[in-house]
Amino acid sequence: MPKVAIICEGKTERLFVNKLIRAYLPDLDIRGIEIGKCQGKGCGGGVSYEKFRKDLHAAINDYDHITTFFDYYGLNYGWPEAEGNTPWERVEDLEAKTMEAVHKDFPDLPQGVFIPFFALHEFEALLFSDTAAMHRMLRQPLAKFEAVIQECGEPELINNHPDTAPSKRLKNICDNYRKTVKGMRVAREITVATMRQQCPHFNSWLVKLEALVD
């Protein structure tokens, strides 16, 4: 069974990986690790490319494959500059350039070991895959969640902006929203299967992971 490390932005992403993604992909030995923890350190200081690079170096010998679960929104200094006309083009460009940077830094790393993934635009966008589930779990008017989707079109198009990013919109609807607790409860209710149906870039990552099965 292939061993796969998923270096995560924070605690919620790690829990999402270890509790939901792992169960959804049972033919992979998946472990979610908060950024910084591959080196045995704390995870403070943000998601910089340098911190990720050190994590990758620390994990290479212990896993068959290494991937990431970082938010595209609010990336810290050091990542390649993404280009493109649409969010999907920009995030795919960022992933391609990150792949190039990794193979430049680790020239002996075999192709296929590293699989970059950045969530559009952040973890909370996945929760908008099922507005009815959000309504049930967060006990807020369904119309408020549906209004976000009607405005943006689909979860991965929810704005990449300090005032209108998915997490900010969610906090505006539910002021007692706590990502690690309530975010995970909503995610369980929605299921990974529904998320991938509504989020094409997230789905493309799962397709790559599914292809790793022996």
N, C-alpha and C. Protein backbone atom coordinates (compact mmCIF):
# COMPACT_ATOMS: atom_id res chain seq x y z
N MET A 1 0.85 -1.20 0.00
CA MET A 1 0.00 0.00 0.00
C MET A 1 0.88 1.24 0.00
N PRO A 2 0.73 2.12 -1.00
CA PRO A 2 1.58 3.32 -1.06
C PRO A 2 1.40 4.22 0.16
N LYS A 3 2.52 4.70 0.68
CA LYS A 3 2.50 5.63 1.80
C LYS A 3 2.50 7.06 1.25
N VAL A 4 1.51 7.84 1.66
CA VAL A 4 1.34 9.19 1.13
C VAL A 4 1.30 10.19 2.28
N ALA A 5 2.22 11.15 2.26
CA ALA A 5 2.20 12.25 3.22
C ALA A 5 1.49 13.44 2.58
N ILE A 6 0.53 14.01 3.30
CA ILE A 6 -0.14 15.22 2.84
C ILE A 6 0.22 16.34 3.82
N ILE A 7 1.08 17.25 3.38
CA ILE A 7 1.51 18.36 4.23
C ILE A 7 0.41 19.42 4.19
N CYS A 8 -0.14 19.71 5.36
CA CYS A 8 -1.37 20.52 5.46
C CYS A 8 -1.09 21.90 6.01
N GLU A 9 -1.96 22.83 5.65
CA GLU A 9 -1.83 24.21 6.10
C GLU A 9 -1.97 24.35 7.61
N GLY A 10 -2.89 23.61 8.21
CA GLY A 10 -3.14 23.75 9.65
C GLY A 10 -3.87 22.57 10.21
N LYS A 11 -4.37 22.75 11.43
CA LYS A 11 -5.01 21.64 12.16
C LYS A 11 -6.26 21.13 11.46
N THR A 12 -7.10 22.05 10.98
CA THR A 12 -8.35 21.61 10.35
C THR A 12 -8.08 20.79 9.11
N GLU A 13 -7.16 21.25 8.27
CA GLU A 13 -6.82 20.50 7.07
C GLU A 13 -6.25 19.13 7.43
N ARG A 14 -5.43 19.09 8.48
CA ARG A 14 -4.88 17.79 8.93
C ARG A 14 -5.99 16.84 9.37
N LEU A 15 -6.94 17.36 10.16
CA LEU A 15 -8.05 16.52 10.60
C LEU A 15 -8.90 16.06 9.41
N PHE A 16 -9.13 16.96 8.47
CA PHE A 16 -9.90 16.63 7.28
C PHE A 16 -9.23 15.49 6.51
N VAL A 17 -7.92 15.59 6.37
CA VAL A 17 -7.17 14.55 5.66
C VAL A 17 -7.21 13.24 6.43
N ASN A 18 -6.90 13.30 7.72
CA ASN A 18 -6.76 12.06 8.49
C ASN A 18 -8.09 11.37 8.79
N LYS A 19 -9.17 12.14 8.85
CA LYS A 19 -10.46 11.53 9.19
C LYS A 19 -11.34 11.28 7.97
N LEU A 20 -11.28 12.15 6.96
CA LEU A 20 -12.18 12.01 5.83
C LEU A 20 -11.49 11.53 4.55
N ILE A 21 -10.38 12.17 4.18
CA ILE A 21 -9.69 11.74 2.96
C ILE A 21 -9.14 10.33 3.13
N ARG A 22 -8.55 10.04 4.27
CA ARG A 22 -8.00 8.70 4.53
C ARG A 22 -9.09 7.63 4.41
N ALA A 23 -10.26 7.90 4.99
CA ALA A 23 -11.36 6.94 4.91
C ALA A 23 -11.91 6.81 3.49
N TYR A 24 -11.87 7.91 2.75
CA TYR A 24 -12.38 7.90 1.37
C TYR A 24 -11.45 7.15 0.42
N LEU A 25 -10.17 7.15 0.74
CA LEU A 25 -9.16 6.47 -0.11
C LEU A 25 -8.48 5.37 0.71
N PRO A 26 -9.19 4.29 1.03
CA PRO A 26 -8.66 3.28 1.95
C PRO A 26 -7.51 2.46 1.39
N ASP A 27 -7.27 2.54 0.08
CA ASP A 27 -6.18 1.77 -0.52
C ASP A 27 -4.85 2.51 -0.49
N LEU A 28 -4.84 3.68 0.14
CA LEU A 28 -3.62 4.45 0.34
C LEU A 28 -3.36 4.60 1.82
N ASP A 29 -2.10 4.51 2.20
CA ASP A 29 -1.70 4.75 3.60
C ASP A 29 -1.40 6.23 3.74
N ILE A 30 -2.45 7.00 4.04
CA ILE A 30 -2.36 8.47 4.04
C ILE A 30 -2.11 8.98 5.45
N ARG A 31 -1.23 9.98 5.52
CA ARG A 31 -1.01 10.67 6.79
C ARG A 31 -0.96 12.17 6.53
N GLY A 32 -1.88 12.89 7.16
CA GLY A 32 -1.85 14.34 7.10
C GLY A 32 -0.96 14.91 8.19
N ILE A 33 -0.09 15.85 7.81
CA ILE A 33 0.89 16.42 8.74
C ILE A 33 0.85 17.93 8.60
N GLU A 34 0.71 18.64 9.70
CA GLU A 34 0.73 20.10 9.64
C GLU A 34 2.10 20.60 9.21
N ILE A 35 2.12 21.66 8.44
CA ILE A 35 3.38 22.20 7.97
C ILE A 35 4.28 22.55 9.15
N GLY A 36 5.52 22.18 9.06
CA GLY A 36 6.48 22.37 10.14
C GLY A 36 6.68 21.11 10.97
N LYS A 37 5.68 20.23 11.00
CA LYS A 37 5.75 19.05 11.86
C LYS A 37 6.61 17.94 11.27
N CYS A 38 6.82 17.93 9.95
CA CYS A 38 7.72 16.94 9.37
C CYS A 38 9.13 17.10 9.93
N GLN A 39 9.43 18.34 10.33
CA GLN A 39 10.75 18.63 10.89
C GLN A 39 10.75 18.50 12.41
N GLY A 40 9.60 18.11 12.98
CA GLY A 40 9.50 17.99 14.42
C GLY A 40 9.39 19.33 15.11
N LYS A 41 8.92 20.35 14.39
CA LYS A 41 8.82 21.70 14.95
C LYS A 41 7.35 22.12 15.03
N GLY A 42 7.12 23.29 15.62
CA GLY A 42 5.79 23.85 15.64
C GLY A 42 5.39 24.31 14.25
N CYS A 43 4.11 24.65 14.09
CA CYS A 43 3.62 24.99 12.76
C CYS A 43 3.36 26.49 12.62
N GLY A 44 3.83 27.31 13.54
CA GLY A 44 3.62 28.74 13.43
C GLY A 44 4.45 29.37 12.33
N GLY A 45 4.06 30.56 11.94
CA GLY A 45 4.87 31.29 10.96
C GLY A 45 4.33 31.28 9.56
N GLY A 46 3.20 30.60 9.31
CA GLY A 46 2.58 30.66 8.00
C GLY A 46 3.13 29.64 7.02
N VAL A 47 2.48 29.61 5.86
CA VAL A 47 2.79 28.62 4.83
C VAL A 47 3.75 29.25 3.81
N SER A 48 5.01 29.29 4.14
CA SER A 48 6.02 29.80 3.22
C SER A 48 6.60 28.65 2.41
N TYR A 49 7.13 28.99 1.24
CA TYR A 49 7.75 27.95 0.40
C TYR A 49 8.95 27.35 1.12
N GLU A 50 9.72 28.16 1.84
CA GLU A 50 10.92 27.66 2.51
C GLU A 50 10.55 26.65 3.59
N LYS A 51 9.50 26.93 4.34
CA LYS A 51 9.08 25.97 5.37
C LYS A 51 8.60 24.67 4.72
N PHE A 52 7.84 24.80 3.64
CA PHE A 52 7.41 23.61 2.92
C PHE A 52 8.60 22.83 2.39
N ARG A 53 9.59 23.53 1.82
CA ARG A 53 10.76 22.85 1.25
C ARG A 53 11.49 22.03 2.31
N LYS A 54 11.59 22.57 3.51
CA LYS A 54 12.24 21.84 4.60
C LYS A 54 11.42 20.62 5.01
N ASP A 55 10.10 20.77 5.01
CA ASP A 55 9.22 19.64 5.31
C ASP A 55 9.39 18.54 4.27
N LEU A 56 9.42 18.93 3.01
CA LEU A 56 9.58 17.97 1.93
C LEU A 56 10.88 17.21 2.08
N HIS A 57 11.94 17.92 2.37
CA HIS A 57 13.25 17.29 2.56
C HIS A 57 13.20 16.29 3.71
N ALA A 58 12.49 16.64 4.78
CA ALA A 58 12.43 15.77 5.95
C ALA A 58 11.58 14.53 5.70
N ALA A 59 10.64 14.61 4.76
CA ALA A 59 9.68 13.52 4.55
C ALA A 59 10.04 12.59 3.39
N ILE A 60 10.95 12.98 2.54
CA ILE A 60 11.22 12.25 1.31
C ILE A 60 11.52 10.78 1.55
N ASN A 61 12.31 10.47 2.54
CA ASN A 61 12.74 9.09 2.74
C ASN A 61 11.71 8.21 3.44
N ASP A 62 10.64 8.82 3.95
CA ASP A 62 9.66 8.06 4.73
C ASP A 62 8.38 7.76 3.97
N TYR A 63 8.20 8.36 2.78
CA TYR A 63 6.94 8.20 2.06
C TYR A 63 7.20 7.93 0.58
N ASP A 64 6.25 7.22 -0.03
CA ASP A 64 6.32 6.97 -1.46
C ASP A 64 5.92 8.19 -2.27
N HIS A 65 4.98 8.95 -1.72
CA HIS A 65 4.49 10.15 -2.40
C HIS A 65 4.24 11.23 -1.35
N ILE A 66 4.42 12.47 -1.77
CA ILE A 66 4.17 13.61 -0.89
C ILE A 66 3.35 14.63 -1.67
N THR A 67 2.28 15.08 -1.05
CA THR A 67 1.45 16.10 -1.66
C THR A 67 1.16 17.19 -0.64
N THR A 68 0.39 18.18 -1.03
CA THR A 68 0.12 19.32 -0.16
C THR A 68 -1.38 19.57 -0.08
N PHE A 69 -1.78 20.25 0.97
CA PHE A 69 -3.16 20.75 1.09
C PHE A 69 -3.06 22.14 1.69
N PHE A 70 -2.72 23.11 0.83
CA PHE A 70 -2.57 24.50 1.22
C PHE A 70 -3.66 25.32 0.54
N ASP A 71 -4.08 26.39 1.19
CA ASP A 71 -5.02 27.32 0.58
C ASP A 71 -4.31 28.15 -0.47
N TYR A 72 -4.95 28.32 -1.62
CA TYR A 72 -4.44 29.25 -2.62
C TYR A 72 -4.54 30.68 -2.09
N TYR A 73 -5.60 30.93 -1.34
CA TYR A 73 -5.82 32.26 -0.77
C TYR A 73 -4.83 32.53 0.35
N GLY A 74 -4.17 33.69 0.29
CA GLY A 74 -3.33 34.14 1.39
C GLY A 74 -2.00 33.44 1.52
N LEU A 75 -1.47 32.87 0.45
CA LEU A 75 -0.16 32.23 0.54
C LEU A 75 0.91 33.23 0.97
N ASN A 76 1.81 32.78 1.82
CA ASN A 76 2.89 33.65 2.27
C ASN A 76 4.02 33.73 1.25
N TYR A 77 4.99 34.51 1.59
CA TYR A 77 6.11 34.81 0.68
C TYR A 77 6.88 33.56 0.24
N GLY A 78 7.34 33.60 -1.00
CA GLY A 78 8.27 32.58 -1.47
C GLY A 78 7.72 31.65 -2.52
N TRP A 79 6.40 31.66 -2.74
CA TRP A 79 5.82 30.77 -3.74
C TRP A 79 5.92 31.41 -5.12
N PRO A 80 5.93 30.61 -6.18
CA PRO A 80 5.93 31.18 -7.53
C PRO A 80 4.70 32.04 -7.78
N GLU A 81 4.84 32.99 -8.67
CA GLU A 81 3.71 33.85 -9.01
C GLU A 81 2.81 33.15 -10.02
N ALA A 82 1.53 33.04 -9.69
CA ALA A 82 0.59 32.34 -10.56
C ALA A 82 0.08 33.28 -11.65
N GLU A 83 -0.07 32.74 -12.85
CA GLU A 83 -0.59 33.50 -13.98
C GLU A 83 -1.75 32.74 -14.61
N GLY A 84 -2.65 33.48 -15.24
CA GLY A 84 -3.79 32.87 -15.91
C GLY A 84 -5.00 33.77 -15.85
N ASN A 85 -5.99 33.46 -16.68
CA ASN A 85 -7.18 34.29 -16.77
C ASN A 85 -8.30 33.87 -15.84
N THR A 86 -8.28 32.63 -15.39
CA THR A 86 -9.32 32.12 -14.50
C THR A 86 -8.67 31.56 -13.24
N PRO A 87 -9.45 31.40 -12.17
CA PRO A 87 -8.88 30.79 -10.95
C PRO A 87 -8.26 29.43 -11.22
N TRP A 88 -8.91 28.62 -12.05
CA TRP A 88 -8.37 27.29 -12.33
C TRP A 88 -7.05 27.38 -13.10
N GLU A 89 -6.97 28.29 -14.05
CA GLU A 89 -5.71 28.47 -14.79
C GLU A 89 -4.60 28.94 -13.85
N ARG A 90 -4.94 29.86 -12.93
CA ARG A 90 -3.92 30.39 -12.03
C ARG A 90 -3.43 29.33 -11.04
N VAL A 91 -4.35 28.57 -10.48
CA VAL A 91 -3.92 27.58 -9.49
C VAL A 91 -3.15 26.45 -10.17
N GLU A 92 -3.55 26.07 -11.38
CA GLU A 92 -2.81 25.05 -12.10
C GLU A 92 -1.42 25.54 -12.49
N ASP A 93 -1.32 26.83 -12.83
CA ASP A 93 -0.02 27.41 -13.13
C ASP A 93 0.87 27.42 -11.89
N LEU A 94 0.28 27.77 -10.72
CA LEU A 94 1.02 27.75 -9.47
C LEU A 94 1.51 26.34 -9.16
N GLU A 95 0.67 25.35 -9.36
CA GLU A 95 1.08 23.97 -9.08
C GLU A 95 2.19 23.52 -10.02
N ALA A 96 2.08 23.90 -11.30
CA ALA A 96 3.12 23.52 -12.26
C ALA A 96 4.45 24.19 -11.91
N LYS A 97 4.40 25.46 -11.53
CA LYS A 97 5.63 26.17 -11.18
C LYS A 97 6.21 25.67 -9.86
N THR A 98 5.33 25.26 -8.94
CA THR A 98 5.82 24.67 -7.69
C THR A 98 6.51 23.35 -7.97
N MET A 99 5.95 22.56 -8.88
CA MET A 99 6.59 21.32 -9.29
C MET A 99 7.97 21.58 -9.86
N GLU A 100 8.08 22.59 -10.70
CA GLU A 100 9.38 22.95 -11.28
C GLU A 100 10.36 23.37 -10.20
N ALA A 101 9.89 24.17 -9.25
CA ALA A 101 10.76 24.64 -8.17
C ALA A 101 11.26 23.48 -7.32
N VAL A 102 10.36 22.54 -7.03
CA VAL A 102 10.74 21.38 -6.22
C VAL A 102 11.79 20.54 -6.93
N HIS A 103 11.61 20.30 -8.21
CA HIS A 103 12.58 19.47 -8.93
C HIS A 103 13.89 20.21 -9.17
N LYS A 104 13.85 21.52 -9.14
CA LYS A 104 15.11 22.28 -9.18
C LYS A 104 15.83 22.17 -7.85
N ASP A 105 15.09 22.23 -6.74
CA ASP A 105 15.68 22.11 -5.41
C ASP A 105 16.09 20.68 -5.08
N PHE A 106 15.37 19.70 -5.66
CA PHE A 106 15.63 18.28 -5.40
C PHE A 106 15.79 17.56 -6.73
N PRO A 107 16.90 17.76 -7.41
CA PRO A 107 17.07 17.22 -8.76
C PRO A 107 17.03 15.69 -8.83
N ASP A 108 17.29 15.01 -7.71
CA ASP A 108 17.27 13.55 -7.71
C ASP A 108 15.90 12.97 -7.37
N LEU A 109 14.93 13.82 -7.11
CA LEU A 109 13.60 13.35 -6.74
C LEU A 109 12.90 12.78 -7.98
N PRO A 110 12.51 11.50 -7.94
CA PRO A 110 11.86 10.90 -9.11
C PRO A 110 10.55 11.61 -9.45
N GLN A 111 10.25 11.65 -10.74
CA GLN A 111 8.97 12.19 -11.16
C GLN A 111 7.84 11.37 -10.56
N GLY A 112 6.78 12.05 -10.15
CA GLY A 112 5.63 11.36 -9.60
C GLY A 112 5.62 11.24 -8.09
N VAL A 113 6.75 11.52 -7.45
CA VAL A 113 6.79 11.44 -5.99
C VAL A 113 6.05 12.63 -5.38
N PHE A 114 6.27 13.82 -5.92
CA PHE A 114 5.64 15.03 -5.40
C PHE A 114 4.44 15.41 -6.25
N ILE A 115 3.32 15.67 -5.58
CA ILE A 115 2.07 16.05 -6.25
C ILE A 115 1.55 17.34 -5.59
N PRO A 116 1.76 18.49 -6.19
CA PRO A 116 1.31 19.75 -5.56
C PRO A 116 -0.20 19.91 -5.65
N PHE A 117 -0.79 20.44 -4.57
CA PHE A 117 -2.22 20.78 -4.59
C PHE A 117 -2.45 22.00 -3.72
N PHE A 118 -3.16 22.99 -4.29
CA PHE A 118 -3.60 24.18 -3.57
C PHE A 118 -5.12 24.26 -3.72
N ALA A 119 -5.82 24.37 -2.61
CA ALA A 119 -7.27 24.42 -2.63
C ALA A 119 -7.75 25.79 -3.09
N LEU A 120 -8.73 25.79 -3.98
CA LEU A 120 -9.37 27.02 -4.43
C LEU A 120 -10.61 27.28 -3.57
N HIS A 121 -10.69 28.43 -2.94
CA HIS A 121 -9.56 29.30 -2.63
C HIS A 121 -9.06 28.99 -1.23
N GLU A 122 -9.86 28.23 -0.48
CA GLU A 122 -9.46 27.76 0.83
C GLU A 122 -10.40 26.64 1.28
N PHE A 123 -10.06 26.02 2.40
CA PHE A 123 -10.82 24.87 2.89
C PHE A 123 -12.32 25.14 2.94
N GLU A 124 -12.73 26.33 3.41
CA GLU A 124 -14.15 26.61 3.58
C GLU A 124 -14.94 26.57 2.27
N ALA A 125 -14.26 26.76 1.14
CA ALA A 125 -14.98 26.67 -0.12
C ALA A 125 -15.61 25.30 -0.30
N LEU A 126 -14.94 24.26 0.18
CA LEU A 126 -15.47 22.90 0.05
C LEU A 126 -16.81 22.76 0.77
N LEU A 127 -16.99 23.50 1.85
CA LEU A 127 -18.22 23.40 2.63
C LEU A 127 -19.43 23.94 1.86
N PHE A 128 -19.18 24.85 0.93
CA PHE A 128 -20.27 25.39 0.13
C PHE A 128 -20.72 24.41 -0.96
N SER A 129 -20.15 23.20 -0.96
CA SER A 129 -20.59 22.17 -1.90
C SER A 129 -22.01 21.70 -1.62
N ASP A 130 -22.47 21.89 -0.40
CA ASP A 130 -23.81 21.46 -0.02
C ASP A 130 -24.40 22.50 0.93
N THR A 131 -25.12 23.45 0.38
CA THR A 131 -25.67 24.53 1.21
C THR A 131 -26.74 24.02 2.17
N ALA A 132 -27.44 22.97 1.80
CA ALA A 132 -28.45 22.41 2.70
C ALA A 132 -27.79 21.81 3.94
N ALA A 133 -26.65 21.16 3.76
CA ALA A 133 -25.92 20.60 4.90
C ALA A 133 -25.39 21.71 5.80
N MET A 134 -24.93 22.79 5.21
CA MET A 134 -24.47 23.93 6.01
C MET A 134 -25.62 24.51 6.82
N HIS A 135 -26.77 24.61 6.18
CA HIS A 135 -27.98 25.10 6.86
C HIS A 135 -28.33 24.21 8.05
N ARG A 136 -28.29 22.91 7.85
CA ARG A 136 -28.65 21.98 8.93
C ARG A 136 -27.65 22.03 10.08
N MET A 137 -26.37 22.03 9.75
CA MET A 137 -25.34 21.90 10.78
C MET A 137 -25.05 23.22 11.48
N LEU A 138 -25.14 24.32 10.77
CA LEU A 138 -24.80 25.62 11.36
C LEU A 138 -26.03 26.40 11.82
N ARG A 139 -27.21 25.90 11.45
CA ARG A 139 -28.48 26.48 11.92
C ARG A 139 -28.62 27.95 11.56
N GLN A 140 -28.28 28.22 10.31
CA GLN A 140 -28.45 29.56 9.76
C GLN A 140 -29.35 29.46 8.53
N PRO A 141 -29.99 30.56 8.11
CA PRO A 141 -30.92 30.49 6.99
C PRO A 141 -30.28 29.94 5.72
N LEU A 142 -30.96 28.99 5.11
CA LEU A 142 -30.47 28.39 3.87
C LEU A 142 -30.22 29.43 2.80
N ALA A 143 -31.08 30.43 2.74
CA ALA A 143 -30.97 31.45 1.68
C ALA A 143 -29.63 32.18 1.72
N LYS A 144 -29.05 32.33 2.91
CA LYS A 144 -27.77 33.04 3.01
C LYS A 144 -26.64 32.24 2.36
N PHE A 145 -26.65 30.93 2.54
CA PHE A 145 -25.62 30.09 1.91
C PHE A 145 -25.86 30.00 0.40
N GLU A 146 -27.12 29.87 0.02
CA GLU A 146 -27.42 29.78 -1.40
C GLU A 146 -27.09 31.07 -2.13
N ALA A 147 -27.21 32.20 -1.44
CA ALA A 147 -26.92 33.49 -2.07
C ALA A 147 -25.45 33.58 -2.49
N VAL A 148 -24.57 32.98 -1.69
CA VAL A 148 -23.14 33.00 -2.02
C VAL A 148 -22.90 32.22 -3.31
N ILE A 149 -23.51 31.04 -3.42
CA ILE A 149 -23.34 30.23 -4.63
C ILE A 149 -23.97 30.91 -5.83
N GLN A 150 -25.13 31.52 -5.65
CA GLN A 150 -25.78 32.22 -6.76
C GLN A 150 -24.92 33.38 -7.26
N GLU A 151 -24.24 34.04 -6.33
CA GLU A 151 -23.38 35.16 -6.73
C GLU A 151 -22.13 34.69 -7.45
N CYS A 152 -21.49 33.63 -6.91
CA CYS A 152 -20.17 33.21 -7.40
C CYS A 152 -20.23 32.11 -8.45
N GLY A 153 -21.31 31.34 -8.47
CA GLY A 153 -21.46 30.31 -9.48
C GLY A 153 -21.20 28.91 -8.97
N GLU A 154 -20.11 28.72 -8.24
CA GLU A 154 -19.76 27.43 -7.67
C GLU A 154 -18.73 27.63 -6.56
N PRO A 155 -18.53 26.61 -5.70
CA PRO A 155 -17.69 26.81 -4.51
C PRO A 155 -16.28 27.30 -4.79
N GLU A 156 -15.62 26.75 -5.80
CA GLU A 156 -14.23 27.12 -6.05
C GLU A 156 -14.08 28.50 -6.69
N LEU A 157 -15.18 29.16 -6.98
CA LEU A 157 -15.12 30.51 -7.53
C LEU A 157 -15.44 31.57 -6.49
N ILE A 158 -15.67 31.15 -5.24
CA ILE A 158 -15.93 32.14 -4.19
C ILE A 158 -14.67 32.98 -4.00
N ASN A 159 -14.86 34.29 -3.90
CA ASN A 159 -13.80 35.27 -4.09
C ASN A 159 -12.55 35.08 -3.25
N ASN A 160 -11.44 35.43 -3.87
CA ASN A 160 -10.12 35.41 -3.23
C ASN A 160 -9.81 36.83 -2.76
N HIS A 161 -10.47 37.25 -1.66
CA HIS A 161 -10.33 38.64 -1.20
C HIS A 161 -10.53 38.67 0.31
N PRO A 162 -9.84 39.55 1.02
CA PRO A 162 -9.96 39.59 2.49
C PRO A 162 -11.38 39.75 3.01
N ASP A 163 -12.27 40.38 2.23
CA ASP A 163 -13.63 40.60 2.69
C ASP A 163 -14.62 39.56 2.18
N THR A 164 -14.25 38.85 1.10
CA THR A 164 -15.23 37.96 0.47
C THR A 164 -14.71 36.55 0.26
N ALA A 165 -13.58 36.20 0.85
CA ALA A 165 -13.08 34.83 0.79
C ALA A 165 -14.08 33.89 1.46
N PRO A 166 -14.06 32.60 1.15
CA PRO A 166 -15.04 31.67 1.72
C PRO A 166 -15.14 31.73 3.24
N SER A 167 -14.01 31.76 3.93
CA SER A 167 -14.05 31.79 5.39
C SER A 167 -14.68 33.07 5.92
N LYS A 168 -14.41 34.20 5.24
CA LYS A 168 -14.99 35.47 5.67
C LYS A 168 -16.50 35.48 5.46
N ARG A 169 -16.96 34.95 4.35
CA ARG A 169 -18.39 34.88 4.09
C ARG A 169 -19.07 33.98 5.12
N LEU A 170 -18.41 32.89 5.46
CA LEU A 170 -18.99 31.96 6.42
C LEU A 170 -19.09 32.58 7.81
N LYS A 171 -18.06 33.32 8.19
CA LYS A 171 -18.09 34.02 9.49
C LYS A 171 -19.18 35.09 9.51
N ASN A 172 -19.42 35.73 8.37
CA ASN A 172 -20.47 36.74 8.31
C ASN A 172 -21.86 36.13 8.47
N ILE A 173 -22.01 34.89 8.00
CA ILE A 173 -23.30 34.20 8.13
C ILE A 173 -23.45 33.59 9.52
N CYS A 174 -22.36 33.02 10.02
CA CYS A 174 -22.40 32.30 11.30
C CYS A 174 -21.27 32.82 12.17
N ASP A 175 -21.55 33.80 13.02
CA ASP A 175 -20.47 34.49 13.73
C ASP A 175 -19.77 33.62 14.77
N ASN A 176 -20.38 32.49 15.14
CA ASN A 176 -19.70 31.59 16.08
C ASN A 176 -19.07 30.39 15.38
N TYR A 177 -18.88 30.51 14.07
CA TYR A 177 -18.22 29.44 13.32
C TYR A 177 -16.78 29.28 13.79
N ARG A 178 -16.42 28.04 14.10
CA ARG A 178 -15.04 27.70 14.46
C ARG A 178 -14.58 26.62 13.51
N LYS A 179 -13.53 26.91 12.77
CA LYS A 179 -13.09 26.06 11.67
C LYS A 179 -12.84 24.62 12.09
N THR A 180 -12.07 24.43 13.16
CA THR A 180 -11.64 23.08 13.52
C THR A 180 -12.81 22.23 14.01
N VAL A 181 -13.75 22.83 14.74
CA VAL A 181 -14.87 22.06 15.29
C VAL A 181 -16.04 22.03 14.32
N LYS A 182 -16.62 23.18 14.05
CA LYS A 182 -17.82 23.22 13.21
C LYS A 182 -17.49 22.93 11.75
N GLY A 183 -16.32 23.37 11.30
CA GLY A 183 -15.93 23.08 9.92
C GLY A 183 -15.84 21.60 9.66
N MET A 184 -15.28 20.85 10.61
CA MET A 184 -15.17 19.41 10.45
C MET A 184 -16.53 18.73 10.54
N ARG A 185 -17.40 19.22 11.40
CA ARG A 185 -18.74 18.63 11.49
C ARG A 185 -19.50 18.80 10.18
N VAL A 186 -19.40 19.97 9.61
CA VAL A 186 -20.07 20.22 8.33
C VAL A 186 -19.45 19.36 7.24
N ALA A 187 -18.13 19.25 7.23
CA ALA A 187 -17.45 18.45 6.22
C ALA A 187 -17.89 16.99 6.26
N ARG A 188 -18.03 16.44 7.47
CA ARG A 188 -18.50 15.05 7.60
C ARG A 188 -19.91 14.90 7.04
N GLU A 189 -20.75 15.88 7.32
CA GLU A 189 -22.13 15.84 6.84
C GLU A 189 -22.18 15.90 5.31
N ILE A 190 -21.33 16.69 4.73
CA ILE A 190 -21.34 16.88 3.28
C ILE A 190 -20.79 15.66 2.55
N THR A 191 -19.69 15.12 3.03
CA THR A 191 -18.94 13.99 2.48
C THR A 191 -17.98 14.43 1.37
N VAL A 192 -16.89 13.72 1.28
CA VAL A 192 -15.89 13.99 0.24
C VAL A 192 -16.48 13.76 -1.14
N ALA A 193 -17.33 12.77 -1.27
CA ALA A 193 -17.93 12.46 -2.57
C ALA A 193 -18.70 13.64 -3.13
N THR A 194 -19.47 14.32 -2.28
CA THR A 194 -20.22 15.49 -2.73
C THR A 194 -19.28 16.64 -3.06
N MET A 195 -18.27 16.83 -2.25
CA MET A 195 -17.31 17.91 -2.50
C MET A 195 -16.65 17.77 -3.86
N ARG A 196 -16.26 16.55 -4.21
CA ARG A 196 -15.55 16.39 -5.48
C ARG A 196 -16.50 16.59 -6.66
N GLN A 197 -17.79 16.33 -6.47
CA GLN A 197 -18.76 16.58 -7.54
C GLN A 197 -18.90 18.07 -7.83
N GLN A 198 -18.77 18.89 -6.80
CA GLN A 198 -19.01 20.33 -6.93
C GLN A 198 -17.74 21.14 -7.13
N CYS A 199 -16.58 20.54 -6.89
CA CYS A 199 -15.31 21.27 -6.90
C CYS A 199 -14.33 20.59 -7.85
N PRO A 200 -14.26 21.01 -9.12
CA PRO A 200 -13.46 20.30 -10.11
C PRO A 200 -11.96 20.26 -9.80
N HIS A 201 -11.43 21.32 -9.21
CA HIS A 201 -9.99 21.28 -8.92
C HIS A 201 -9.69 20.32 -7.77
N PHE A 202 -10.51 20.32 -6.75
CA PHE A 202 -10.40 19.35 -5.67
C PHE A 202 -10.53 17.93 -6.22
N ASN A 203 -11.47 17.74 -7.12
CA ASN A 203 -11.65 16.43 -7.75
C ASN A 203 -10.40 15.99 -8.50
N SER A 204 -9.77 16.92 -9.21
CA SER A 204 -8.58 16.56 -9.99
C SER A 204 -7.46 16.06 -9.10
N TRP A 205 -7.38 16.60 -7.88
CA TRP A 205 -6.38 16.13 -6.90
C TRP A 205 -6.70 14.70 -6.47
N LEU A 206 -7.96 14.43 -6.16
CA LEU A 206 -8.35 13.09 -5.75
C LEU A 206 -8.10 12.07 -6.86
N VAL A 207 -8.32 12.48 -8.09
CA VAL A 207 -8.05 11.59 -9.23
C VAL A 207 -6.56 11.22 -9.26
N LYS A 208 -5.69 12.19 -9.02
CA LYS A 208 -4.26 11.91 -8.99
C LYS A 208 -3.89 10.97 -7.85
N LEU A 209 -4.52 11.16 -6.69
CA LEU A 209 -4.25 10.28 -5.56
C LEU A 209 -4.77 8.87 -5.83
N GLU A 210 -5.95 8.76 -6.43
CA GLU A 210 -6.50 7.45 -6.75
C GLU A 210 -5.60 6.68 -7.72
N ALA A 211 -4.92 7.41 -8.58
CA ALA A 211 -4.03 6.77 -9.56
C ALA A 211 -2.77 6.18 -8.93
N LEU A 212 -2.51 6.51 -7.66
CA LEU A 212 -1.31 5.99 -6.98
C LEU A 212 -1.49 4.57 -6.47
N VAL A 213 -2.73 4.10 -6.45
CA VAL A 213 -2.99 2.77 -5.91
C VAL A 213 -2.32 1.72 -6.78
N ASP A 214 -1.62 0.81 -6.16
CA ASP A 214 -0.90 -0.26 -6.89
C ASP A 214 -1.84 -1.11 -7.74
